[in-house]
PDB file of all heavy atoms in Angstrom:
ATOM      1  N   ALA A   1      -6.371  -8.292   3.981  1.00  0.00           N
ATOM      2  CA  ALA A   1      -6.277  -7.734   5.333  1.00  0.00           C
ATOM      3  C   ALA A   1      -5.500  -6.434   5.394  1.00  0.00           C
ATOM      4  O   ALA A   1      -5.290  -5.895   6.476  1.00  0.00           O
ATOM      5  CB  ALA A   1      -5.632  -8.757   6.256  1.00  0.00           C
ATOM      6  N   LEU A   2      -5.111  -5.899   4.229  1.00  0.00           N
ATOM      7  CA  LEU A   2      -4.204  -4.765   4.224  1.00  0.00           C
ATOM      8  C   LEU A   2      -4.811  -3.526   4.868  1.00  0.00           C
ATOM      9  O   LEU A   2      -4.096  -2.754   5.520  1.00  0.00           O
ATOM     10  CB  LEU A   2      -3.771  -4.459   2.780  1.00  0.00           C
ATOM     11  CG  LEU A   2      -2.520  -3.626   2.588  1.00  0.00           C
ATOM     12  CD1 LEU A   2      -1.329  -4.166   3.378  1.00  0.00           C
ATOM     13  CD2 LEU A   2      -2.181  -3.521   1.109  1.00  0.00           C
ATOM     14  N   HIS A   3      -6.111  -3.308   4.732  1.00  0.00           N
ATOM     15  CA  HIS A   3      -6.709  -2.141   5.359  1.00  0.00           C
ATOM     16  C   HIS A   3      -6.592  -2.208   6.874  1.00  0.00           C
ATOM     17  O   HIS A   3      -6.265  -1.211   7.532  1.00  0.00           O
ATOM     18  CB  HIS A   3      -8.181  -2.012   4.949  1.00  0.00           C
ATOM     19  CG  HIS A   3      -8.388  -1.439   3.584  1.00  0.00           C
ATOM     20  ND1 HIS A   3      -9.621  -1.099   3.086  1.00  0.00           N
ATOM     21  CD2 HIS A   3      -7.479  -1.154   2.599  1.00  0.00           C
ATOM     22  CE1 HIS A   3      -9.504  -0.629   1.857  1.00  0.00           C
ATOM     23  NE2 HIS A   3      -8.204  -0.654   1.548  1.00  0.00           N
ATOM     24  N   GLU A   4      -6.840  -3.376   7.423  1.00  0.00           N
ATOM     25  CA  GLU A   4      -6.718  -3.529   8.872  1.00  0.00           C
ATOM     26  C   GLU A   4      -5.280  -3.286   9.317  1.00  0.00           C
ATOM     27  O   GLU A   4      -5.027  -2.590  10.317  1.00  0.00           O
ATOM     28  CB  GLU A   4      -7.135  -4.942   9.301  1.00  0.00           C
ATOM     29  CG  GLU A   4      -7.023  -5.160  10.803  1.00  0.00           C
ATOM     30  CD  GLU A   4      -7.325  -6.581  11.227  1.00  0.00           C
ATOM     31  OE1 GLU A   4      -7.365  -7.490  10.344  1.00  0.00           O
ATOM     32  OE2 GLU A   4      -7.497  -6.827  12.439  1.00  0.00           O
ATOM     33  N   VAL A   5      -4.330  -3.798   8.571  1.00  0.00           N
ATOM     34  CA  VAL A   5      -2.915  -3.624   8.902  1.00  0.00           C
ATOM     35  C   VAL A   5      -2.546  -2.148   8.877  1.00  0.00           C
ATOM     36  O   VAL A   5      -1.879  -1.640   9.801  1.00  0.00           O
ATOM     37  CB  VAL A   5      -2.024  -4.430   7.930  1.00  0.00           C
ATOM     38  CG1 VAL A   5      -0.550  -4.048   8.119  1.00  0.00           C
ATOM     39  CG2 VAL A   5      -2.227  -5.923   8.152  1.00  0.00           C
ATOM     40  N   VAL A   6      -2.992  -1.439   7.856  1.00  0.00           N
ATOM     41  CA  VAL A   6      -2.663  -0.028   7.711  1.00  0.00           C
ATOM     42  C   VAL A   6      -3.279   0.782   8.850  1.00  0.00           C
ATOM     43  O   VAL A   6      -2.626   1.707   9.397  1.00  0.00           O
ATOM     44  CB  VAL A   6      -3.131   0.500   6.346  1.00  0.00           C
ATOM     45  CG1 VAL A   6      -3.090   2.031   6.303  1.00  0.00           C
ATOM     46  CG2 VAL A   6      -2.250  -0.073   5.241  1.00  0.00           C
ATOM     47  N   ARG A   7      -4.471   0.436   9.235  1.00  0.00           N
ATOM     48  CA  ARG A   7      -5.126   1.182  10.328  1.00  0.00           C
ATOM     49  C   ARG A   7      -4.437   0.972  11.671  1.00  0.00           C
ATOM     50  O   ARG A   7      -4.325   1.882  12.482  1.00  0.00           O
ATOM     51  CB  ARG A   7      -6.578   0.784  10.422  1.00  0.00           C
ATOM     52  CG  ARG A   7      -7.479   1.268   9.280  1.00  0.00           C
ATOM     53  CD  ARG A   7      -8.943   1.025   9.600  1.00  0.00           C
ATOM     54  NE  ARG A   7      -9.835   1.475   8.521  1.00  0.00           N
ATOM     55  CZ  ARG A   7     -10.436   0.652   7.647  1.00  0.00           C
ATOM     56  NH1 ARG A   7     -10.248  -0.655   7.754  1.00  0.00           N
ATOM     57  NH2 ARG A   7     -11.215   1.122   6.706  1.00  0.00           N
ATOM     58  N   LYS A   8      -3.975  -0.244  11.923  1.00  0.00           N
ATOM     59  CA  LYS A   8      -3.490  -0.610  13.255  1.00  0.00           C
ATOM     60  C   LYS A   8      -1.986  -0.428  13.441  1.00  0.00           C
ATOM     61  O   LYS A   8      -1.527  -0.258  14.576  1.00  0.00           O
ATOM     62  CB  LYS A   8      -3.845  -2.079  13.534  1.00  0.00           C
ATOM     63  CG  LYS A   8      -5.335  -2.340  13.741  1.00  0.00           C
ATOM     64  CD  LYS A   8      -5.561  -3.805  14.088  1.00  0.00           C
ATOM     65  CE  LYS A   8      -7.014  -4.102  14.418  1.00  0.00           C
ATOM     66  NZ  LYS A   8      -7.216  -5.531  14.772  1.00  0.00           N
ATOM     67  N   ALA A   9      -1.218  -0.499  12.383  1.00  0.00           N
ATOM     68  CA  ALA A   9       0.249  -0.461  12.520  1.00  0.00           C
ATOM     69  C   ALA A   9       0.720   0.914  12.978  1.00  0.00           C
ATOM     70  O   ALA A   9       0.133   1.940  12.632  1.00  0.00           O
ATOM     71  CB  ALA A   9       0.902  -0.807  11.190  1.00  0.00           C
ATOM     72  N   PRO A  10       1.776   0.952  13.780  1.00  0.00           N
ATOM     73  CA  PRO A  10       2.345   2.258  14.146  1.00  0.00           C
ATOM     74  C   PRO A  10       2.803   3.009  12.893  1.00  0.00           C
ATOM     75  O   PRO A  10       3.429   2.424  12.015  1.00  0.00           O
ATOM     76  CB  PRO A  10       3.542   1.872  15.011  1.00  0.00           C
ATOM     77  CG  PRO A  10       3.302   0.466  15.436  1.00  0.00           C
ATOM     78  CD  PRO A  10       2.527  -0.188  14.342  1.00  0.00           C
ATOM     79  N   LEU A  11       2.485   4.267  12.828  1.00  0.00           N
ATOM     80  CA  LEU A  11       2.826   5.031  11.632  1.00  0.00           C
ATOM     81  C   LEU A  11       4.331   5.124  11.436  1.00  0.00           C
ATOM     82  O   LEU A  11       4.794   5.206  10.281  1.00  0.00           O
ATOM     83  CB  LEU A  11       2.233   6.441  11.733  1.00  0.00           C
ATOM     84  CG  LEU A  11       2.445   7.374  10.523  1.00  0.00           C
ATOM     85  CD1 LEU A  11       1.977   6.719   9.220  1.00  0.00           C
ATOM     86  CD2 LEU A  11       1.726   8.697  10.737  1.00  0.00           C
ATOM     87  N   ASP A  12       5.071   5.059  12.512  1.00  0.00           N
ATOM     88  CA  ASP A  12       6.527   5.161  12.347  1.00  0.00           C
ATOM     89  C   ASP A  12       7.170   3.846  11.863  1.00  0.00           C
ATOM     90  O   ASP A  12       8.391   3.746  11.793  1.00  0.00           O
ATOM     91  CB  ASP A  12       7.200   5.643  13.645  1.00  0.00           C
ATOM     92  CG  ASP A  12       7.023   4.676  14.800  1.00  0.00           C
ATOM     93  OD1 ASP A  12       6.401   3.598  14.634  1.00  0.00           O
ATOM     94  OD2 ASP A  12       7.552   4.979  15.902  1.00  0.00           O
ATOM     95  N   ARG A  13       6.332   2.882  11.474  1.00  0.00           N
ATOM     96  CA  ARG A  13       6.863   1.634  10.916  1.00  0.00           C
ATOM     97  C   ARG A  13       6.270   1.331   9.537  1.00  0.00           C
ATOM     98  O   ARG A  13       6.400   0.198   9.055  1.00  0.00           O
ATOM     99  CB  ARG A  13       6.544   0.477  11.880  1.00  0.00           C
ATOM    100  CG  ARG A  13       7.076   0.717  13.253  1.00  0.00           C
ATOM    101  CD  ARG A  13       8.577   0.622  13.319  1.00  0.00           C
ATOM    102  NE  ARG A  13       8.941  -0.779  13.286  1.00  0.00           N
ATOM    103  CZ  ARG A  13       8.793  -1.616  14.321  1.00  0.00           C
ATOM    104  NH1 ARG A  13       8.298  -1.172  15.469  1.00  0.00           N
ATOM    105  NH2 ARG A  13       9.152  -2.856  14.213  1.00  0.00           N
ATOM    106  N   LEU A  14       5.643   2.341   8.918  1.00  0.00           N
ATOM    107  CA  LEU A  14       5.060   2.155   7.587  1.00  0.00           C
ATOM    108  C   LEU A  14       5.895   2.847   6.526  1.00  0.00           C
ATOM    109  O   LEU A  14       6.436   3.940   6.734  1.00  0.00           O
ATOM    110  CB  LEU A  14       3.624   2.707   7.535  1.00  0.00           C
ATOM    111  CG  LEU A  14       2.562   1.979   8.358  1.00  0.00           C
ATOM    112  CD1 LEU A  14       1.211   2.653   8.147  1.00  0.00           C
ATOM    113  CD2 LEU A  14       2.486   0.498   8.013  1.00  0.00           C
ATOM    114  N   LEU A  15       5.966   2.221   5.349  1.00  0.00           N
ATOM    115  CA  LEU A  15       6.553   2.766   4.162  1.00  0.00           C
ATOM    116  C   LEU A  15       5.533   2.658   3.040  1.00  0.00           C
ATOM    117  O   LEU A  15       4.548   1.912   3.160  1.00  0.00           O
ATOM    118  CB  LEU A  15       7.813   2.013   3.751  1.00  0.00           C
ATOM    119  CG  LEU A  15       8.913   1.849   4.815  1.00  0.00           C
ATOM    120  CD1 LEU A  15       9.974   0.871   4.328  1.00  0.00           C
ATOM    121  CD2 LEU A  15       9.541   3.195   5.139  1.00  0.00           C
ATOM    122  N   VAL A  16       5.760   3.380   1.961  1.00  0.00           N
ATOM    123  CA  VAL A  16       4.903   3.241   0.773  1.00  0.00           C
ATOM    124  C   VAL A  16       5.786   2.902  -0.416  1.00  0.00           C
ATOM    125  O   VAL A  16       6.934   3.338  -0.513  1.00  0.00           O
ATOM    126  CB  VAL A  16       4.064   4.513   0.501  1.00  0.00           C
ATOM    127  CG1 VAL A  16       2.944   4.636   1.524  1.00  0.00           C
ATOM    128  CG2 VAL A  16       4.932   5.757   0.496  1.00  0.00           C
ATOM    129  N   GLU A  17       5.228   2.123  -1.343  1.00  0.00           N
ATOM    130  CA  GLU A  17       5.977   1.674  -2.499  1.00  0.00           C
ATOM    131  C   GLU A  17       5.042   1.469  -3.690  1.00  0.00           C
ATOM    132  O   GLU A  17       3.819   1.394  -3.523  1.00  0.00           O
ATOM    133  CB  GLU A  17       6.692   0.357  -2.197  1.00  0.00           C
ATOM    134  CG  GLU A  17       5.740  -0.803  -1.950  1.00  0.00           C
ATOM    135  CD  GLU A  17       6.413  -2.155  -2.038  1.00  0.00           C
ATOM    136  OE1 GLU A  17       6.985  -2.588  -1.014  1.00  0.00           O
ATOM    137  OE2 GLU A  17       6.371  -2.779  -3.115  1.00  0.00           O
ATOM    138  N   THR A  18       5.646   1.340  -4.866  1.00  0.00           N
ATOM    139  CA  THR A  18       4.855   0.992  -6.062  1.00  0.00           C
ATOM    140  C   THR A  18       5.039  -0.445  -6.502  1.00  0.00           C
ATOM    141  O   THR A  18       4.110  -1.064  -7.009  1.00  0.00           O
ATOM    142  CB  THR A  18       5.218   1.914  -7.242  1.00  0.00           C
ATOM    143  OG1 THR A  18       6.605   1.799  -7.517  1.00  0.00           O
ATOM    144  CG2 THR A  18       4.830   3.347  -6.978  1.00  0.00           C
ATOM    145  N   ASP A  19       6.231  -0.986  -6.375  1.00  0.00           N
ATOM    146  CA  ASP A  19       6.620  -2.230  -7.055  1.00  0.00           C
ATOM    147  C   ASP A  19       6.513  -2.066  -8.565  1.00  0.00           C
ATOM    148  O   ASP A  19       6.255  -3.031  -9.294  1.00  0.00           O
ATOM    149  CB  ASP A  19       5.796  -3.435  -6.577  1.00  0.00           C
ATOM    150  CG  ASP A  19       6.480  -4.772  -6.882  1.00  0.00           C
ATOM    151  OD1 ASP A  19       7.709  -4.786  -7.101  1.00  0.00           O
ATOM    152  OD2 ASP A  19       5.777  -5.815  -6.904  1.00  0.00           O
ATOM    153  N   ALA A  20       6.686  -0.824  -9.031  1.00  0.00           N
ATOM    154  CA  ALA A  20       6.609  -0.553 -10.471  1.00  0.00           C
ATOM    155  C   ALA A  20       7.592  -1.458 -11.235  1.00  0.00           C
ATOM    156  O   ALA A  20       8.699  -1.691 -10.771  1.00  0.00           O
ATOM    157  CB  ALA A  20       6.952   0.914 -10.725  1.00  0.00           C
ATOM    158  N   PRO A  21       7.121  -1.991 -12.377  1.00  0.00           N
ATOM    159  CA  PRO A  21       5.932  -1.651 -13.156  1.00  0.00           C
ATOM    160  C   PRO A  21       4.686  -2.428 -12.779  1.00  0.00           C
ATOM    161  O   PRO A  21       3.676  -2.384 -13.512  1.00  0.00           O
ATOM    162  CB  PRO A  21       6.362  -2.034 -14.554  1.00  0.00           C
ATOM    163  CG  PRO A  21       7.243  -3.224 -14.364  1.00  0.00           C
ATOM    164  CD  PRO A  21       8.007  -2.928 -13.108  1.00  0.00           C
ATOM    165  N   TYR A  22       4.684  -3.136 -11.651  1.00  0.00           N
ATOM    166  CA  TYR A  22       3.545  -3.971 -11.254  1.00  0.00           C
ATOM    167  C   TYR A  22       2.615  -3.256 -10.285  1.00  0.00           C
ATOM    168  O   TYR A  22       2.953  -2.228  -9.715  1.00  0.00           O
ATOM    169  CB  TYR A  22       4.057  -5.267 -10.593  1.00  0.00           C
ATOM    170  CG  TYR A  22       5.082  -6.011 -11.382  1.00  0.00           C
ATOM    171  CD1 TYR A  22       6.392  -6.164 -10.917  1.00  0.00           C
ATOM    172  CD2 TYR A  22       4.784  -6.539 -12.642  1.00  0.00           C
ATOM    173  CE1 TYR A  22       7.337  -6.852 -11.658  1.00  0.00           C
ATOM    174  CE2 TYR A  22       5.732  -7.211 -13.383  1.00  0.00           C
ATOM    175  CZ  TYR A  22       7.012  -7.365 -12.893  1.00  0.00           C
ATOM    176  OH  TYR A  22       7.956  -8.023 -13.617  1.00  0.00           O
ATOM    177  N   LEU A  23       1.411  -3.826 -10.119  1.00  0.00           N
ATOM    178  CA  LEU A  23       0.482  -3.446  -9.059  1.00  0.00           C
ATOM    179  C   LEU A  23       0.088  -1.968  -9.071  1.00  0.00           C
ATOM    180  O   LEU A  23       0.047  -1.306  -8.018  1.00  0.00           O
ATOM    181  CB  LEU A  23       1.058  -3.805  -7.688  1.00  0.00           C
ATOM    182  CG  LEU A  23       1.356  -5.292  -7.446  1.00  0.00           C
ATOM    183  CD1 LEU A  23       1.990  -5.503  -6.078  1.00  0.00           C
ATOM    184  CD2 LEU A  23       0.083  -6.122  -7.575  1.00  0.00           C
ATOM    185  N   ALA A  24      -0.203  -1.439 -10.237  1.00  0.00           N
ATOM    186  CA  ALA A  24      -0.638  -0.045 -10.319  1.00  0.00           C
ATOM    187  C   ALA A  24      -1.884   0.186  -9.478  1.00  0.00           C
ATOM    188  O   ALA A  24      -2.824  -0.619  -9.502  1.00  0.00           O
ATOM    189  CB  ALA A  24      -0.926   0.347 -11.766  1.00  0.00           C
ATOM    190  N   PRO A  25      -1.908   1.253  -8.700  1.00  0.00           N
ATOM    191  CA  PRO A  25      -3.066   1.511  -7.835  1.00  0.00           C
ATOM    192  C   PRO A  25      -4.259   2.019  -8.623  1.00  0.00           C
ATOM    193  O   PRO A  25      -4.130   2.473  -9.781  1.00  0.00           O
ATOM    194  CB  PRO A  25      -2.548   2.600  -6.891  1.00  0.00           C
ATOM    195  CG  PRO A  25      -1.530   3.350  -7.744  1.00  0.00           C
ATOM    196  CD  PRO A  25      -0.875   2.298  -8.592  1.00  0.00           C
ATOM    197  N   VAL A  26      -5.434   1.947  -8.006  1.00  0.00           N
ATOM    198  CA  VAL A  26      -6.588   2.670  -8.533  1.00  0.00           C
ATOM    199  C   VAL A  26      -6.229   4.150  -8.549  1.00  0.00           C
ATOM    200  O   VAL A  26      -5.653   4.649  -7.563  1.00  0.00           O
ATOM    201  CB  VAL A  26      -7.807   2.404  -7.620  1.00  0.00           C
ATOM    202  CG1 VAL A  26      -9.000   3.259  -8.059  1.00  0.00           C
ATOM    203  CG2 VAL A  26      -8.161   0.915  -7.631  1.00  0.00           C
ATOM    204  N   PRO A  27      -6.449   4.883  -9.622  1.00  0.00           N
ATOM    205  CA  PRO A  27      -7.249   4.593 -10.807  1.00  0.00           C
ATOM    206  C   PRO A  27      -6.456   4.119 -12.022  1.00  0.00           C
ATOM    207  O   PRO A  27      -6.942   4.269 -13.150  1.00  0.00           O
ATOM    208  CB  PRO A  27      -7.890   5.950 -11.098  1.00  0.00           C
ATOM    209  CG  PRO A  27      -6.788   6.916 -10.771  1.00  0.00           C
ATOM    210  CD  PRO A  27      -6.066   6.325  -9.584  1.00  0.00           C
ATOM    211  N   PHE A  28      -5.307   3.522 -11.817  1.00  0.00           N
ATOM    212  CA  PHE A  28      -4.450   3.115 -12.939  1.00  0.00           C
ATOM    213  C   PHE A  28      -4.338   1.608 -13.076  1.00  0.00           C
ATOM    214  O   PHE A  28      -3.446   1.125 -13.785  1.00  0.00           O
ATOM    215  CB  PHE A  28      -3.043   3.709 -12.774  1.00  0.00           C
ATOM    216  CG  PHE A  28      -3.037   5.210 -12.687  1.00  0.00           C
ATOM    217  CD1 PHE A  28      -2.878   5.853 -11.455  1.00  0.00           C
ATOM    218  CD2 PHE A  28      -3.201   5.994 -13.818  1.00  0.00           C
ATOM    219  CE1 PHE A  28      -2.858   7.225 -11.368  1.00  0.00           C
ATOM    220  CE2 PHE A  28      -3.183   7.367 -13.730  1.00  0.00           C
ATOM    221  CZ  PHE A  28      -3.020   7.981 -12.503  1.00  0.00           C
ATOM    222  N   ARG A  29      -5.209   0.845 -12.448  1.00  0.00           N
ATOM    223  CA  ARG A  29      -5.113  -0.612 -12.504  1.00  0.00           C
ATOM    224  C   ARG A  29      -5.123  -1.093 -13.957  1.00  0.00           C
ATOM    225  O   ARG A  29      -5.867  -0.600 -14.800  1.00  0.00           O
ATOM    226  CB  ARG A  29      -6.253  -1.287 -11.750  1.00  0.00           C
ATOM    227  CG  ARG A  29      -6.094  -1.249 -10.247  1.00  0.00           C
ATOM    228  CD  ARG A  29      -7.038  -2.218  -9.555  1.00  0.00           C
ATOM    229  NE  ARG A  29      -6.575  -3.608  -9.716  1.00  0.00           N
ATOM    230  CZ  ARG A  29      -7.218  -4.660  -9.214  1.00  0.00           C
ATOM    231  NH1 ARG A  29      -8.348  -4.454  -8.502  1.00  0.00           N
ATOM    232  NH2 ARG A  29      -6.773  -5.876  -9.380  1.00  0.00           N
ATOM    233  N   GLY A  30      -4.256  -2.053 -14.225  1.00  0.00           N
ATOM    234  CA  GLY A  30      -4.143  -2.583 -15.577  1.00  0.00           C
ATOM    235  C   GLY A  30      -3.141  -1.847 -16.441  1.00  0.00           C
ATOM    236  O   GLY A  30      -2.826  -2.300 -17.543  1.00  0.00           O
TER     237      GLY A  30
END
């Protein structure tokens, strides 16, 4: 459901993170 959450949530309440070394985004998955 993350896409829906990102679209609907107020922008002033969003942060971005990596959780590095886990959960590498596309195009670095794996």
